[in-house]
N, C-alpha and C. Protein backbone atom coordinates (compact mmCIF):
# COMPACT_ATOMS: atom_id res chain seq x y z
N UNK A 1 -1.66 36.15 18.33
CA UNK A 1 -2.55 35.10 17.65
C UNK A 1 -3.03 35.37 16.47
N UNK A 2 -3.38 34.33 15.76
CA UNK A 2 -4.06 34.20 14.32
C UNK A 2 -5.58 34.57 14.57
N UNK A 3 -5.59 35.46 13.67
CA UNK A 3 -7.34 36.07 13.72
C UNK A 3 -8.09 34.50 13.08
N UNK A 4 -9.06 34.72 13.71
CA UNK A 4 -10.07 33.06 13.08
C UNK A 4 -11.03 33.71 12.70
N UNK A 5 -11.77 33.41 11.44
CA UNK A 5 -12.79 33.98 11.10
C UNK A 5 -14.50 33.74 12.03
N UNK A 6 -15.05 34.54 12.21
CA UNK A 6 -16.47 34.32 13.24
C UNK A 6 -16.69 33.01 12.42
N UNK A 7 -17.68 32.22 13.69
CA UNK A 7 -18.26 31.01 13.40
C UNK A 7 -19.78 30.90 13.56
N UNK A 8 -20.42 30.24 12.60
CA UNK A 8 -22.16 30.52 13.04
C UNK A 8 -22.68 30.35 14.28
N UNK A 9 -23.86 31.00 14.34
CA UNK A 9 -24.28 31.15 15.97
C UNK A 9 -24.49 30.09 16.83
N UNK A 10 -25.27 28.85 15.62
CA UNK A 10 -25.59 27.71 16.18
C UNK A 10 -25.23 26.85 15.57
N UNK A 11 -24.86 25.43 16.10
CA UNK A 11 -24.50 24.28 15.48
C UNK A 11 -25.40 22.91 16.25
N UNK A 12 -26.24 22.55 15.38
CA UNK A 12 -26.99 21.33 15.72
C UNK A 12 -26.20 20.07 14.98
N UNK A 13 -26.06 18.96 15.77
CA UNK A 13 -25.23 17.83 15.55
C UNK A 13 -26.45 16.60 15.48
N UNK A 14 -26.47 15.51 14.86
CA UNK A 14 -26.88 14.53 14.80
C UNK A 14 -25.71 13.61 15.84
N UNK A 15 -26.13 12.57 16.16
CA UNK A 15 -25.35 11.91 17.29
C UNK A 15 -24.55 10.78 16.76
N UNK A 16 -25.27 9.62 16.03
CA UNK A 16 -24.78 8.56 15.92
C UNK A 16 -24.14 8.83 14.63
N UNK A 17 -22.76 8.18 14.21
CA UNK A 17 -22.01 8.55 13.26
C UNK A 17 -21.30 9.64 12.85
N UNK A 18 -21.72 11.02 13.86
CA UNK A 18 -21.85 12.22 13.56
C UNK A 18 -20.33 12.67 14.81
N UNK A 19 -20.92 12.19 15.78
CA UNK A 19 -20.30 13.05 17.41
C UNK A 19 -19.62 11.46 17.55
N UNK A 20 -20.49 10.40 17.86
CA UNK A 20 -20.13 8.85 18.59
C UNK A 20 -19.72 8.03 17.29
N UNK A 21 -19.06 7.08 17.21
CA UNK A 21 -18.80 6.24 16.31
C UNK A 21 -19.42 4.76 16.47
N UNK A 22 -20.74 4.93 16.08
CA UNK A 22 -21.71 4.03 16.24
C UNK A 22 -21.94 3.50 15.02
N UNK A 23 -21.60 4.21 13.94
CA UNK A 23 -22.31 3.51 12.52
C UNK A 23 -22.15 2.10 12.56
N UNK A 24 -21.06 1.72 12.42
CA UNK A 24 -20.93 0.13 11.87
C UNK A 24 -21.89 -0.99 12.99
N UNK A 25 -21.96 -0.34 14.40
CA UNK A 25 -22.89 -1.28 15.32
C UNK A 25 -24.20 -1.00 14.52
N UNK A 26 -24.32 0.47 14.60
CA UNK A 26 -25.97 -0.01 13.95
C UNK A 26 -26.28 -0.73 12.75
N UNK A 27 -25.47 -0.47 11.79
CA UNK A 27 -25.19 -1.42 10.54
C UNK A 27 -25.41 -2.88 11.01
N UNK A 28 -24.48 -3.60 12.31
CA UNK A 28 -24.55 -4.80 12.82
C UNK A 28 -25.66 -4.87 13.45
N UNK A 29 -26.28 -4.15 14.03
CA UNK A 29 -27.37 -4.33 15.03
C UNK A 29 -28.56 -4.77 13.87
N UNK A 30 -28.66 -4.06 12.90
CA UNK A 30 -30.07 -3.69 12.11
C UNK A 30 -29.94 -5.28 11.62
N UNK A 31 -28.45 -5.87 10.92
CA UNK A 31 -28.54 -6.99 10.20
C UNK A 31 -28.99 -8.24 11.10
N UNK A 32 -28.81 -8.00 12.38
CA UNK A 32 -29.28 -8.88 13.61
C UNK A 32 -30.53 -9.24 13.62
N UNK A 33 -31.01 -8.06 13.92
CA UNK A 33 -32.79 -7.89 14.08
C UNK A 33 -33.25 -8.47 12.94
N UNK A 34 -33.05 -8.21 11.64
CA UNK A 34 -33.85 -8.57 10.93
C UNK A 34 -33.17 -10.37 10.46
N UNK A 35 -32.06 -10.65 10.85
CA UNK A 35 -31.82 -11.81 10.66
C UNK A 35 -32.47 -12.83 11.60
N UNK A 36 -32.49 -12.35 12.84
CA UNK A 36 -33.06 -13.12 14.02
C UNK A 36 -34.67 -13.11 13.63
N UNK A 37 -35.34 -11.93 13.51
CA UNK A 37 -36.97 -11.82 13.65
C UNK A 37 -37.35 -12.56 12.38
N UNK A 38 -37.21 -12.12 11.38
CA UNK A 38 -37.24 -12.18 9.94
C UNK A 38 -37.02 -13.42 9.08
N UNK A 39 -35.57 -13.79 9.55
CA UNK A 39 -35.03 -15.30 9.56
C UNK A 39 -34.37 -14.86 7.62
N UNK A 40 -34.02 -13.42 7.32
CA UNK A 40 -33.33 -13.20 5.78
C UNK A 40 -32.44 -12.19 6.25
N UNK A 41 -31.43 -11.87 5.27
CA UNK A 41 -30.48 -11.62 5.31
C UNK A 41 -30.85 -9.74 4.78
N UNK A 42 -30.31 -9.00 4.92
CA UNK A 42 -30.97 -7.40 4.07
C UNK A 42 -29.75 -7.00 3.45
N UNK A 43 -29.67 -6.62 2.01
CA UNK A 43 -28.42 -6.41 1.59
C UNK A 43 -28.50 -4.53 2.04
N UNK A 44 -27.02 -3.84 1.49
CA UNK A 44 -26.77 -2.61 1.85
C UNK A 44 -27.79 -1.42 1.26
N UNK A 45 -27.99 -1.87 -0.01
CA UNK A 45 -28.75 -0.74 -0.29
C UNK A 45 -30.30 -0.92 0.18
N UNK A 46 -30.47 -2.31 0.32
CA UNK A 46 -32.25 -1.66 1.44
C UNK A 46 -31.77 -1.76 2.51
N UNK A 47 -30.83 -1.60 3.28
CA UNK A 47 -30.86 -1.15 4.71
C UNK A 47 -30.59 0.04 4.63
N UNK A 48 -29.63 0.89 3.84
CA UNK A 48 -29.70 2.16 3.47
C UNK A 48 -30.80 3.05 3.48
N UNK A 49 -32.06 2.25 2.83
CA UNK A 49 -33.37 3.01 2.53
C UNK A 49 -33.79 3.33 4.04
N UNK A 50 -33.49 2.68 4.99
CA UNK A 50 -33.93 2.85 6.63
C UNK A 50 -33.21 3.42 7.59
N UNK A 51 -32.01 3.14 7.31
CA UNK A 51 -31.07 3.91 8.50
C UNK A 51 -30.66 5.06 8.67
N UNK A 52 -30.63 6.27 9.51
CA UNK A 52 -30.13 7.28 9.74
C UNK A 52 -30.98 8.22 9.96
N UNK A 53 -32.48 7.98 9.79
CA UNK A 53 -33.33 9.24 9.44
C UNK A 53 -34.81 9.20 10.47
N UNK A 54 -35.50 8.14 10.35
CA UNK A 54 -37.04 8.27 11.28
C UNK A 54 -35.91 7.24 12.26
N UNK A 55 -36.86 7.62 13.37
CA UNK A 55 -36.68 6.45 14.62
C UNK A 55 -36.61 5.09 14.25
N UNK A 56 -35.95 4.16 15.25
CA UNK A 56 -35.78 3.02 15.11
C UNK A 56 -37.14 2.54 15.29
N UNK A 57 -38.42 3.06 16.19
CA UNK A 57 -39.45 2.05 15.85
C UNK A 57 -39.92 2.56 14.22
N UNK A 58 -40.05 3.44 13.90
CA UNK A 58 -40.47 3.61 12.16
C UNK A 58 -39.63 3.04 11.18
N UNK A 59 -38.16 2.87 11.50
CA UNK A 59 -37.54 2.31 10.76
C UNK A 59 -38.42 0.51 10.55
N UNK A 60 -38.26 0.09 11.68
CA UNK A 60 -38.39 -1.14 11.91
C UNK A 60 -40.18 -1.37 10.80
N UNK A 61 -41.29 -0.31 11.46
CA UNK A 61 -42.51 -0.43 11.01
C UNK A 61 -42.52 -0.30 9.67
N UNK A 62 -41.75 0.32 9.05
CA UNK A 62 -41.58 0.55 7.49
C UNK A 62 -41.07 -0.87 6.91
N UNK A 63 -40.28 -1.50 7.75
CA UNK A 63 -39.46 -2.45 7.12
C UNK A 63 -40.54 -3.71 7.02
N UNK A 64 -40.93 -3.91 8.29
CA UNK A 64 -42.28 -5.31 8.75
C UNK A 64 -42.75 -4.54 9.75
N UNK A 65 -44.81 -3.89 8.79
CA UNK A 65 -45.44 -3.31 10.01
C UNK A 65 -45.85 -4.38 11.15
N UNK A 66 -45.94 -5.75 10.64
CA UNK A 66 -46.65 -6.63 11.79
C UNK A 66 -45.79 -7.29 12.68
N UNK A 67 -44.16 -6.96 12.30
CA UNK A 67 -43.15 -7.52 13.35
C UNK A 67 -42.06 -6.38 14.21
N UNK A 68 -42.72 -5.09 13.83
CA UNK A 68 -42.05 -3.68 14.18
C UNK A 68 -41.57 -4.02 15.60
N UNK A 69 -42.47 -4.79 16.49
CA UNK A 69 -41.92 -4.66 18.07
C UNK A 69 -40.86 -5.52 18.44
N UNK A 70 -41.05 -6.65 17.73
CA UNK A 70 -39.79 -7.58 17.84
C UNK A 70 -38.74 -7.44 17.02
N UNK A 71 -38.46 -6.51 16.29
CA UNK A 71 -37.56 -6.24 16.03
C UNK A 71 -36.86 -5.27 16.37
N UNK A 72 -37.35 -4.40 17.23
CA UNK A 72 -37.33 -3.24 17.96
C UNK A 72 -36.30 -3.82 19.33
N UNK A 73 -37.25 -4.74 19.71
CA UNK A 73 -36.29 -5.20 20.99
C UNK A 73 -35.65 -6.13 20.62
N UNK A 74 -35.03 -6.77 19.49
CA UNK A 74 -34.22 -7.90 19.03
C UNK A 74 -32.93 -6.89 18.81
N UNK A 75 -33.45 -5.56 18.30
CA UNK A 75 -32.03 -4.30 17.33
C UNK A 75 -31.62 -4.24 19.37
N UNK A 76 -32.67 -3.80 20.05
CA UNK A 76 -31.86 -3.25 21.38
C UNK A 76 -31.07 -4.34 22.19
N UNK A 77 -31.67 -5.47 22.07
CA UNK A 77 -31.11 -6.34 23.02
C UNK A 77 -29.77 -6.54 22.74
N UNK A 78 -29.49 -6.72 21.33
CA UNK A 78 -28.29 -6.78 20.61
C UNK A 78 -27.01 -5.40 20.84
N UNK A 79 -27.97 -4.01 20.85
CA UNK A 79 -27.21 -3.23 20.28
C UNK A 79 -26.63 -2.45 21.70
N UNK A 80 -27.80 -2.14 22.53
CA UNK A 80 -27.24 -1.53 23.79
C UNK A 80 -26.00 -2.15 24.94
N UNK A 81 -25.93 -3.22 24.83
CA UNK A 81 -24.74 -3.64 25.62
C UNK A 81 -23.70 -3.54 24.79
N UNK A 82 -23.42 -3.18 23.81
CA UNK A 82 -22.14 -3.03 23.07
C UNK A 82 -22.07 -1.59 23.02
N UNK A 83 -22.30 -0.92 23.53
CA UNK A 83 -22.39 0.90 23.35
C UNK A 83 -20.88 0.69 24.69
N UNK A 84 -20.96 -0.47 25.34
CA UNK A 84 -19.79 -0.34 26.82
C UNK A 84 -18.37 0.15 25.78
N UNK A 85 -18.10 -0.40 24.64
CA UNK A 85 -16.94 0.04 23.76
C UNK A 85 -16.44 1.39 23.17
N UNK A 86 -18.01 2.12 23.11
CA UNK A 86 -18.36 3.47 22.58
C UNK A 86 -16.93 4.32 22.51
N UNK A 87 -16.97 5.14 21.50
CA UNK A 87 -15.76 6.34 21.61
C UNK A 87 -16.38 7.16 20.36
N UNK A 88 -16.24 8.26 20.50
CA UNK A 88 -15.83 10.04 19.64
C UNK A 88 -15.48 9.65 18.38
N UNK A 89 -16.03 10.03 17.47
CA UNK A 89 -15.46 9.77 16.07
C UNK A 89 -14.31 10.56 16.04
N UNK A 90 -13.16 10.15 15.30
CA UNK A 90 -12.27 11.07 15.93
C UNK A 90 -11.93 12.34 15.58
N UNK A 91 -11.45 13.39 16.64
CA UNK A 91 -11.06 14.66 16.65
C UNK A 91 -12.83 15.42 16.87
N UNK A 92 -14.02 14.72 17.01
CA UNK A 92 -14.91 15.27 17.35
C UNK A 92 -15.23 15.79 19.04
N UNK A 93 -14.74 15.20 19.95
CA UNK A 93 -14.56 15.75 21.31
C UNK A 93 -13.88 16.93 21.32
N UNK A 94 -12.70 16.71 20.71
CA UNK A 94 -11.92 18.11 20.91
C UNK A 94 -12.88 19.27 20.17
N UNK A 95 -13.10 19.01 18.92
CA UNK A 95 -13.97 19.85 17.85
C UNK A 95 -15.08 20.67 18.77
N UNK A 96 -15.96 19.58 19.16
CA UNK A 96 -17.00 20.51 20.17
C UNK A 96 -16.84 20.90 21.71
N UNK A 97 -15.47 20.73 22.12
CA UNK A 97 -15.15 21.62 22.91
C UNK A 97 -14.66 23.02 22.66
N UNK A 98 -14.28 23.07 21.80
CA UNK A 98 -13.48 24.37 21.04
C UNK A 98 -14.51 25.01 20.47
N UNK A 99 -15.90 24.44 19.86
CA UNK A 99 -17.10 25.19 19.78
C UNK A 99 -17.41 25.95 20.84
N UNK A 100 -17.88 24.97 21.88
CA UNK A 100 -18.27 25.49 22.98
C UNK A 100 -17.54 26.61 23.65
N UNK A 101 -16.18 26.51 23.22
CA UNK A 101 -15.31 27.47 24.06
C UNK A 101 -15.48 28.97 23.61
N UNK A 102 -15.77 28.81 22.23
CA UNK A 102 -15.67 29.85 21.05
C UNK A 102 -17.30 30.53 21.50
N UNK A 103 -18.04 30.06 21.84
CA UNK A 103 -19.44 30.53 22.32
C UNK A 103 -20.37 30.45 21.17
N UNK A 104 -20.33 29.12 20.50
CA UNK A 104 -20.99 28.31 19.51
C UNK A 104 -22.12 27.78 20.56
N UNK A 105 -23.54 28.12 19.91
CA UNK A 105 -24.59 27.24 20.61
C UNK A 105 -24.74 25.93 20.14
N UNK A 106 -24.78 25.00 20.97
CA UNK A 106 -24.89 23.62 20.41
C UNK A 106 -25.82 22.88 21.00
N UNK A 107 -26.47 22.23 20.10
CA UNK A 107 -27.69 21.27 20.10
C UNK A 107 -27.61 19.80 19.63
N UNK A 108 -28.40 19.02 20.34
CA UNK A 108 -28.09 17.43 19.59
C UNK A 108 -29.63 16.97 19.14
N UNK A 109 -29.62 16.40 17.80
CA UNK A 109 -31.35 16.55 17.28
C UNK A 109 -30.91 14.87 16.57
N UNK A 110 -31.30 13.93 17.65
CA UNK A 110 -31.17 12.92 16.81
C UNK A 110 -32.46 11.74 17.01
N UNK A 111 -32.74 10.60 16.31
CA UNK A 111 -33.71 9.46 16.28
C UNK A 111 -33.45 8.93 17.47
N UNK A 112 -32.22 8.71 18.21
CA UNK A 112 -32.02 7.85 19.21
C UNK A 112 -33.60 8.04 20.04
N UNK A 113 -33.89 7.06 20.66
CA UNK A 113 -34.59 7.20 22.18
C UNK A 113 -34.06 7.76 23.45
N UNK A 114 -34.56 8.96 24.19
CA UNK A 114 -34.01 9.32 25.24
C UNK A 114 -33.11 8.28 26.03
N UNK A 115 -33.62 7.26 26.37
CA UNK A 115 -33.03 5.90 27.10
C UNK A 115 -31.71 5.41 26.44
N UNK A 116 -31.67 5.70 25.41
CA UNK A 116 -30.28 5.08 24.39
C UNK A 116 -29.30 6.36 24.43
N UNK A 117 -29.92 7.34 24.47
CA UNK A 117 -28.61 8.62 24.46
C UNK A 117 -28.38 8.62 25.82
N UNK A 118 -28.98 8.56 26.90
CA UNK A 118 -28.46 8.45 28.21
C UNK A 118 -27.41 6.94 28.33
N UNK A 119 -27.77 6.17 27.73
CA UNK A 119 -26.79 5.12 27.96
C UNK A 119 -25.30 5.48 27.67
N UNK A 120 -25.80 6.13 26.04
CA UNK A 120 -24.25 6.89 25.14
C UNK A 120 -23.68 7.83 26.26
N UNK A 121 -24.49 8.66 26.51
CA UNK A 121 -23.88 9.61 27.86
C UNK A 121 -22.93 8.76 29.27
N UNK A 122 -23.85 7.77 29.34
CA UNK A 122 -23.18 7.18 30.56
C UNK A 122 -21.57 6.25 30.01
N UNK A 123 -21.41 6.03 29.21
CA UNK A 123 -20.36 5.24 28.69
C UNK A 123 -19.41 6.47 27.88
N UNK A 124 -19.93 7.54 27.77
CA UNK A 124 -18.93 8.52 27.47
C UNK A 124 -19.48 9.93 28.21
N UNK A 125 -19.10 10.09 29.52
CA UNK A 125 -19.59 11.24 30.22
C UNK A 125 -18.85 12.25 29.47
N UNK A 126 -17.73 12.81 28.94
CA UNK A 126 -17.29 14.09 28.29
C UNK A 126 -18.25 14.42 27.35
N UNK A 127 -19.54 13.94 26.99
CA UNK A 127 -20.40 14.10 26.31
C UNK A 127 -21.17 15.70 27.59
N UNK A 128 -21.05 15.18 28.40
CA UNK A 128 -22.01 15.85 29.64
C UNK A 128 -21.29 17.23 29.32
N UNK A 129 -22.42 18.11 29.54
CA UNK A 129 -22.00 19.81 29.51
C UNK A 129 -21.83 20.46 28.07
N UNK A 130 -21.89 19.34 26.90
CA UNK A 130 -21.33 20.02 25.61
C UNK A 130 -22.54 20.95 25.03
N UNK A 131 -23.70 20.38 25.24
CA UNK A 131 -25.07 20.70 24.30
C UNK A 131 -25.74 21.48 25.48
N UNK A 132 -26.14 22.40 24.59
CA UNK A 132 -27.49 23.41 25.12
C UNK A 132 -28.46 22.89 25.59
N UNK A 133 -29.04 21.79 24.43
CA UNK A 133 -30.31 21.28 24.08
C UNK A 133 -29.96 19.75 23.29
N UNK A 134 -31.11 18.80 23.83
CA UNK A 134 -30.87 17.89 23.17
C UNK A 134 -32.13 17.39 22.97
N UNK A 135 -32.47 16.80 21.82
CA UNK A 135 -33.85 16.64 21.57
C UNK A 135 -33.55 15.07 20.39
N UNK A 136 -34.45 14.29 21.47
CA UNK A 136 -34.61 12.99 21.20
C UNK A 136 -35.61 12.31 20.28
N UNK A 137 -36.13 11.46 20.35
CA UNK A 137 -37.04 10.77 19.40
C UNK A 137 -38.28 11.14 20.09
N UNK A 138 -38.63 10.68 21.54
CA UNK A 138 -39.71 11.28 22.22
C UNK A 138 -40.25 12.44 21.84
N UNK A 139 -39.54 13.20 21.58
CA UNK A 139 -39.72 15.07 21.66
C UNK A 139 -40.72 15.12 20.53
N UNK A 140 -40.73 14.99 19.47
CA UNK A 140 -41.61 15.17 18.38
C UNK A 140 -41.98 13.53 17.83
N UNK A 141 -43.36 14.51 16.68
CA UNK A 141 -44.03 13.34 16.99
C UNK A 141 -43.75 13.01 15.30
N UNK A 142 -42.84 13.99 14.29
CA UNK A 142 -42.23 13.81 13.31
C UNK A 142 -40.71 13.60 13.37
N UNK A 143 -40.49 12.80 12.58
CA UNK A 143 -38.42 12.84 12.58
C UNK A 143 -37.96 12.83 11.25
N UNK A 144 -37.14 13.08 11.05
CA UNK A 144 -35.85 13.44 9.88
C UNK A 144 -36.60 12.21 8.65
N UNK A 145 -36.32 12.65 7.94
CA UNK A 145 -36.08 13.94 7.45
C UNK A 145 -37.10 14.66 7.49
N UNK A 146 -38.33 14.65 8.25
CA UNK A 146 -38.86 16.05 8.51
C UNK A 146 -38.28 17.31 9.37
N UNK A 147 -38.11 18.41 9.15
CA UNK A 147 -37.54 19.32 10.29
C UNK A 147 -37.76 19.26 11.46
N UNK A 148 -39.06 18.51 12.09
CA UNK A 148 -39.56 18.98 13.27
C UNK A 148 -38.40 18.91 14.30
N UNK A 149 -37.36 18.04 14.49
CA UNK A 149 -36.60 17.79 15.37
C UNK A 149 -35.60 19.20 15.52
N UNK A 150 -35.37 19.17 14.11
CA UNK A 150 -34.30 20.53 14.37
C UNK A 150 -34.78 22.23 14.51
N UNK A 151 -35.77 22.29 13.88
CA UNK A 151 -36.65 23.33 14.27
C UNK A 151 -37.05 23.36 15.80
N UNK A 152 -37.21 22.20 16.63
CA UNK A 152 -37.44 22.07 18.30
C UNK A 152 -36.30 22.56 18.52
N UNK A 153 -35.10 21.98 18.43
CA UNK A 153 -33.94 22.49 19.02
C UNK A 153 -33.30 24.12 18.94
N UNK A 154 -33.51 24.48 17.39
CA UNK A 154 -33.82 25.94 17.78
C UNK A 154 -34.39 26.63 18.50
N UNK A 155 -35.44 26.38 18.47
CA UNK A 155 -36.72 27.12 19.37
C UNK A 155 -36.40 26.80 20.81
N UNK A 156 -35.59 25.94 21.18
CA UNK A 156 -35.30 25.85 22.91
C UNK A 156 -34.09 26.44 22.97
N UNK A 157 -33.17 26.64 21.81
CA UNK A 157 -31.86 27.74 21.68
C UNK A 157 -32.31 29.11 21.90
N UNK A 158 -33.92 29.51 21.31
CA UNK A 158 -33.65 30.59 20.82
C UNK A 158 -33.23 31.40 19.64
N UNK A 159 -32.21 30.62 18.75
CA UNK A 159 -31.78 30.92 17.83
C UNK A 159 -32.94 30.58 16.51
N UNK A 160 -32.21 31.37 15.43
CA UNK A 160 -32.82 30.96 14.10
C UNK A 160 -31.74 30.54 13.03
N UNK A 161 -32.66 29.81 12.25
CA UNK A 161 -31.79 28.79 11.24
C UNK A 161 -30.99 29.60 10.16
N UNK A 162 -31.20 31.03 10.34
CA UNK A 162 -30.42 31.72 8.91
C UNK A 162 -28.85 31.67 10.03
N UNK A 163 -28.92 31.68 11.17
CA UNK A 163 -27.59 31.77 11.61
C UNK A 163 -26.83 30.06 12.09
N UNK A 164 -27.45 29.33 11.67
CA UNK A 164 -27.13 27.95 12.56
C UNK A 164 -26.77 27.04 11.16
N UNK A 165 -26.15 25.90 11.25
CA UNK A 165 -26.10 24.67 10.54
C UNK A 165 -26.48 23.50 11.39
N UNK A 166 -26.50 22.24 10.72
CA UNK A 166 -26.81 20.78 11.15
C UNK A 166 -26.13 19.95 10.71
N UNK A 167 -25.42 18.82 11.13
CA UNK A 167 -24.42 18.04 10.85
C UNK A 167 -24.55 17.02 10.87
N UNK A 168 -24.55 16.15 9.86
CA UNK A 168 -25.23 14.99 9.89
C UNK A 168 -24.30 13.76 9.01
N UNK A 169 -24.63 12.69 9.30
CA UNK A 169 -23.66 11.78 8.41
C UNK A 169 -24.87 10.98 7.03
N UNK A 170 -25.93 11.42 7.03
CA UNK A 170 -26.98 10.67 6.20
C UNK A 170 -27.87 11.68 5.21
N UNK A 171 -28.46 10.97 4.24
CA UNK A 171 -29.05 11.80 3.24
C UNK A 171 -30.25 12.31 3.98
N UNK A 172 -30.88 11.83 4.92
CA UNK A 172 -32.20 12.52 5.90
C UNK A 172 -31.71 13.58 6.75
N UNK A 173 -30.47 13.52 7.10
CA UNK A 173 -29.98 14.63 8.03
C UNK A 173 -29.71 15.61 7.19
N UNK A 174 -29.20 15.78 5.92
CA UNK A 174 -29.25 16.82 4.81
C UNK A 174 -30.63 17.32 4.68
N UNK A 175 -31.70 16.77 4.25
CA UNK A 175 -33.21 16.90 3.74
C UNK A 175 -33.46 17.69 4.82
N UNK A 176 -33.48 17.01 6.23
CA UNK A 176 -34.11 17.53 7.29
C UNK A 176 -33.28 19.50 7.27
N UNK A 177 -32.29 19.31 7.59
CA UNK A 177 -31.42 20.44 7.51
C UNK A 177 -31.77 21.99 6.38
N UNK A 178 -31.90 20.86 5.27
CA UNK A 178 -32.59 22.22 4.36
C UNK A 178 -34.06 22.30 4.42
N UNK A 179 -34.80 21.62 4.89
CA UNK A 179 -36.05 22.06 4.94
C UNK A 179 -36.53 22.94 5.84
N UNK A 180 -35.37 22.47 7.37
CA UNK A 180 -35.58 23.83 8.29
C UNK A 180 -34.43 25.22 7.86
N UNK A 181 -34.13 25.24 6.84
CA UNK A 181 -33.22 26.65 6.40
C UNK A 181 -32.00 26.49 7.07
N UNK A 182 -31.60 25.30 7.55
CA UNK A 182 -30.23 25.37 8.02
C UNK A 182 -29.10 25.30 7.00
N UNK A 183 -28.14 25.66 7.28
CA UNK A 183 -26.79 25.14 6.43
C UNK A 183 -27.00 23.53 6.49
N UNK A 184 -26.68 22.90 5.81
CA UNK A 184 -26.90 21.13 5.45
C UNK A 184 -25.12 20.82 5.73
N UNK A 185 -24.74 20.37 6.46
CA UNK A 185 -23.22 20.18 6.45
C UNK A 185 -23.28 18.37 6.45
N UNK A 186 -22.69 17.83 5.62
CA UNK A 186 -22.39 16.01 5.56
C UNK A 186 -21.22 15.65 6.02
N UNK A 187 -20.95 14.93 6.74
CA UNK A 187 -19.97 14.44 7.28
C UNK A 187 -19.79 13.07 6.50
N UNK A 188 -18.30 12.55 6.24
CA UNK A 188 -18.11 11.28 5.34
C UNK A 188 -17.84 10.23 6.55
N UNK A 189 -17.51 10.54 7.70
CA UNK A 189 -16.83 9.32 8.70
C UNK A 189 -18.26 8.58 9.17
N UNK A 190 -18.94 8.67 9.08
CA UNK A 190 -20.13 7.62 9.49
C UNK A 190 -20.39 6.59 9.52
N UNK A 191 -20.04 6.10 8.31
CA UNK A 191 -19.76 3.91 7.86
C UNK A 191 -20.46 3.46 7.72
N UNK A 192 -21.91 4.18 7.01
CA UNK A 192 -22.86 3.74 6.28
C UNK A 192 -23.17 4.56 5.37
N UNK A 193 -23.38 5.54 5.41
CA UNK A 193 -24.11 6.19 3.81
C UNK A 193 -22.42 6.88 3.39
N UNK A 194 -22.23 6.24 1.84
CA UNK A 194 -20.94 6.52 1.22
C UNK A 194 -21.49 8.18 0.52
N UNK A 195 -20.16 8.44 -0.01
CA UNK A 195 -19.98 10.04 -0.20
C UNK A 195 -21.13 10.56 -1.45
N UNK A 196 -21.24 9.40 -2.36
CA UNK A 196 -21.99 9.53 -3.73
C UNK A 196 -23.46 9.50 -3.23
N UNK A 197 -24.22 8.75 -2.04
CA UNK A 197 -25.29 8.94 -1.49
C UNK A 197 -25.65 10.40 -0.54
N UNK A 198 -24.50 11.08 -0.06
CA UNK A 198 -24.76 11.76 0.90
C UNK A 198 -24.81 12.85 -0.34
N UNK A 199 -23.73 12.99 -1.43
CA UNK A 199 -23.84 14.33 -2.58
C UNK A 199 -24.99 14.40 -3.40
N UNK A 200 -25.90 13.40 -3.23
CA UNK A 200 -27.18 13.47 -3.84
C UNK A 200 -27.91 13.96 -3.78
N UNK A 201 -27.80 14.26 -1.87
CA UNK A 201 -28.60 14.88 -1.37
C UNK A 201 -28.24 16.65 -1.33
N UNK A 202 -27.37 16.65 -1.64
CA UNK A 202 -26.93 18.31 -2.20
C UNK A 202 -26.90 18.79 -0.60
N UNK A 203 -25.78 18.54 -0.16
CA UNK A 203 -25.40 19.44 1.19
C UNK A 203 -24.84 20.61 0.59
N UNK A 204 -25.06 21.72 1.70
CA UNK A 204 -24.21 22.91 1.47
C UNK A 204 -22.68 22.61 1.55
N UNK A 205 -22.43 21.41 2.22
CA UNK A 205 -20.89 21.37 2.53
C UNK A 205 -20.79 19.77 2.65
N UNK A 206 -19.75 18.56 2.30
CA UNK A 206 -19.30 17.67 2.19
C UNK A 206 -17.82 17.77 2.96
N UNK A 207 -17.99 16.99 3.95
CA UNK A 207 -16.65 17.43 4.93
C UNK A 207 -16.21 15.85 5.47
N UNK A 208 -14.56 15.90 4.87
CA UNK A 208 -14.50 14.44 5.75
C UNK A 208 -13.15 14.51 6.95
N UNK A 209 -13.05 15.29 7.77
CA UNK A 209 -12.21 15.80 8.39
C UNK A 209 -12.73 16.79 9.96
N UNK A 210 -12.44 16.58 11.05
CA UNK A 210 -12.93 17.79 11.95
C UNK A 210 -12.61 19.27 11.31
N UNK A 211 -11.58 19.39 10.80
CA UNK A 211 -11.09 20.64 10.66
C UNK A 211 -11.61 21.21 9.49
N UNK A 212 -12.16 20.20 8.22
CA UNK A 212 -12.74 20.84 7.53
C UNK A 212 -14.07 21.34 7.67
N UNK A 213 -14.79 20.51 8.89
CA UNK A 213 -16.22 20.88 9.75
C UNK A 213 -16.21 22.31 9.83
N UNK A 214 -15.05 22.57 10.96
CA UNK A 214 -14.85 24.05 11.04
C UNK A 214 -14.67 25.09 10.33
N UNK A 215 -14.25 24.87 9.22
CA UNK A 215 -14.23 25.61 7.79
C UNK A 215 -15.85 26.06 7.39
N UNK A 216 -16.55 24.63 7.39
CA UNK A 216 -17.83 24.56 6.93
C UNK A 216 -19.14 25.18 8.08
N UNK A 217 -18.25 25.71 9.13
CA UNK A 217 -18.83 26.45 10.47
C UNK A 217 -18.67 27.71 10.48
N UNK A 218 -17.91 28.07 9.73
CA UNK A 218 -17.74 29.86 9.70
C UNK A 218 -18.58 30.62 8.98
N UNK A 219 -18.80 31.96 9.29
CA UNK A 219 -19.93 32.73 8.74
C UNK A 219 -19.54 33.28 7.27
N UNK A 220 -20.15 33.20 6.43
CA UNK A 220 -19.61 33.36 5.16
C UNK A 220 -19.25 34.70 4.94
N UNK A 221 -18.28 34.82 3.67
CA UNK A 221 -18.06 36.49 3.73
C UNK A 221 -19.21 37.27 3.15
N UNK A 222 -19.46 38.38 3.84
CA UNK A 222 -20.58 39.14 2.90
C UNK A 222 -20.54 39.36 1.70
């Protein structure tokens, strides 16, 4: 058997666009809500300023504070039924199982609501048992790019940031990881934020495949 380098003690993950392939659905749902409630279209650059960090309610509040509730309800009415066709991002189920088998402590830190996370788990029951802790939008007052959700996940796992990484598909994820003292790993397969935008946030690693992600999760040489 080939020797494999040791992996970091802890790996925290964003959910949407990182573990599950919801990036295009999120963009589509966001555009639908804006078009339906505000009667306008939103260009990609403006949308990118909102999607991928804050909770859904905070995204909508920043977009149109006086129509926030309508936007949230319209988004969810469109988005949630479409979880029926949900799937993992390519190779991520296998990677998570491998990390779990190798003893890496796994956590999920997402801006999704607990109810929407439960929908995802219902449609993808293979997610059950993979994560040692799950932090959702209701668990912290502050959300990414603030490090609060990541710090709570570390606290629950009883591990420290120097031995861990956070993996996500948005600049907000990178910023939160760095603020928490974690290794910041950006993945390119999210479907919303391009490589240039991710690199501008200065992640410790930018990866395009699960195989590259495993390498990025290795303990660096002394």
